[in-house]
Structures are given as C-alpha cells and as structure tokens.
Amino acid sequence: MFRRQIPLLQARPGRRPAVAIFLSGSGSNAERILEACREAGEKAPFRPVAIVTDAPETSRAGELAANYRLPLVENDIRKFYRSRGETRVSLSTEGGRRARAEWTARLREQLAAFEVDFGILAGFVPLTNITDDFPCLNVHPGDLTYEKGGRRWLVGLHTVPVERAILEGLDSLRSSVILAQSYTAGGDNMDSGPILGLSEPVPIDLRGHSLEQLEECLRQRPKCRPKGGFGDILEELAREHLQRLKVEGDWRVFPPAVFDFARGRYALDQDGGLLFRLGGRRHPVATVVYGEQGREVIFR
C-alpha cells in the first residue's frame, strides 16, 4: 500500500535553503554550525542569512554576525515586555502571553525580507510560534527517546533533563535534535517534536555521591526555583554534566543533523512516523545517531 510521505523541508527549486540562526547566549552551538558551513563552502547544503537574538546586550549574537558577515536581527524580549507593562518575561499570565504574541509578530516582520526556509534554535530561550512560519530545529540536553509511563521523561528547562537522568540511575546522557513545536499556553509540549538525531552516549560521573544523597537534595528543595538556581549538589553535578554534554553531545550531533535536514533527508509518513532517506528512498526510522564515525540509522 502506498504511504504518503511529507518532507519536513519544502525545497525551493534552484536555490539552497535560507537559514536564520536564533540564539540568546554564548552561541557556541551556532558557532559550530556556522563554522561547518564555512568549511563546506559552496558544497554546504544551506545558506545562513541572519543571526537573530532576543538578548542583544548579553549574547554573542553581534560578535558572530560580524565574524560571519551576516545581518543581525535584534528583538530584545525583556525591553519589549517592559514596554507592555510586564515585569517578568513569562507565559504564565494573560498579559505575558499577549506580549509574547506581539513580540513574535514583530519578529515575523523583521524576518520577512530574508525568506527563511528553516530556523536553527541554537540556545534560543524564548518560546515562540515562529515555528508556525517555517520548520525550526532545536538541540535538547536529554535523550528524548527515553520514556517513563509512556511519556518522554528527560524533558524540561535548565538542569532538569540532566537531573532526571541522574536520578533515574542512568549511566549516560545524550543530546537530542528535534523539530521544535509551537508552544501551548503553558509551554508543556516544547520537547514533543520528532527526534531527528541523537548524540552518542556521554557517561555520567556522580563524583562519589550516592543516589540517596541526590534524591534527598530533591526532597529538600523549595517548590519554586530561586533566581540563580537551587545551589545544591544535584544541581552542581547537573551543571557540570550539561557543559560536558554540550561539548560531547550538542557539538557533535547538531551540525550533521542540520546538514541532513537541509539536504531534505527527513520526512514524515501519513501516521507521523519519521522517515530518513538513504540512497534513493526513504526508510521508516526511530531516529539517527550521529557520532565521530558518522551516522547510525535506527530503523523502526
């Protein structure tokens, strides 16, 4: 029986896809992708057309834009919220959600002239439904194929995915490249997209601490995360592992997954299952593992 195939990237004949790269902080993931693109030269399967940031005063967006001779698109979300009378950048209130929608509308206006084919969320903090306009790839510090009770378990912000992996007793971490989804009111579905790629395992080292000690840290925490974090051993361990995962996970999986996406290798079948093109045809896959020795396709 013929099964419909829906490419995740709609190619425009006669041109390489135009890509906007979004970042809020150090831009290290963006830099790895830009450098890989520069090294590939005319053989690169996409064209970076803009660097986008919500944090022009604190991020490295301006530096990267200058280094790679790209236009810089600035849309300071904190200033935008304050201009709307909002004291916090949040989606938890009606006013905050309204400000986010207006901020995204402004972002759309700024990006219109670039005719973006897809976006790369390289450490971009704000949830935005710009993902409705074109596909956006995101890298997440957790193995999103790991499920508990039928749901993805290593989800969330800050150190949460790594802490969950540690408390599960897992012996390693992975980074996941996903197709970002539009946010709902609470943003709970942000890690729910198709898993395009996984890094190879990055070992967990508890540095002599027991799971019981770390579980006690979790029990002793206040309900709301304080500004700057909890400051306990569990969070300290998670932050150390986050940095290692960025270097040994994000930097190794994100660039090649982006390149394969730009080449049109990914699609969905009529039931939402992931397809990956090998040779002349697409195959049903669970995901693709990217490592130092290349890619390993995990078939369904």
Foldseek 3Di string as FASTA:
>chain_A
DDWDWFFQFDDDPPDAAEEEEEAEAACPLVVLQLVVQVVCPPVQRHHHAEYEYLHVPHHCSVVVCVVSVHHYHYQNLCVQLVVLVHNDCDLQDPSNVVSQQVSLVVVCVVCVVRNGREYEHRHHPDQHVCCVVHWYKYKAWFDQVDDDPPHRDLDDDDLRSVLRCVLVVHFWGKMWIFTADHADSHRPCRPVGQTAEIEPTDGQDLPPDDSVVSVVLVVPFDPDADVVGRPDSSSVSSVVVVVVCCVRHSSFIPNVSVSQSSVRQWIAIPVRFIWGDDDHDTAGFSYWYTHPVGIDTHHD
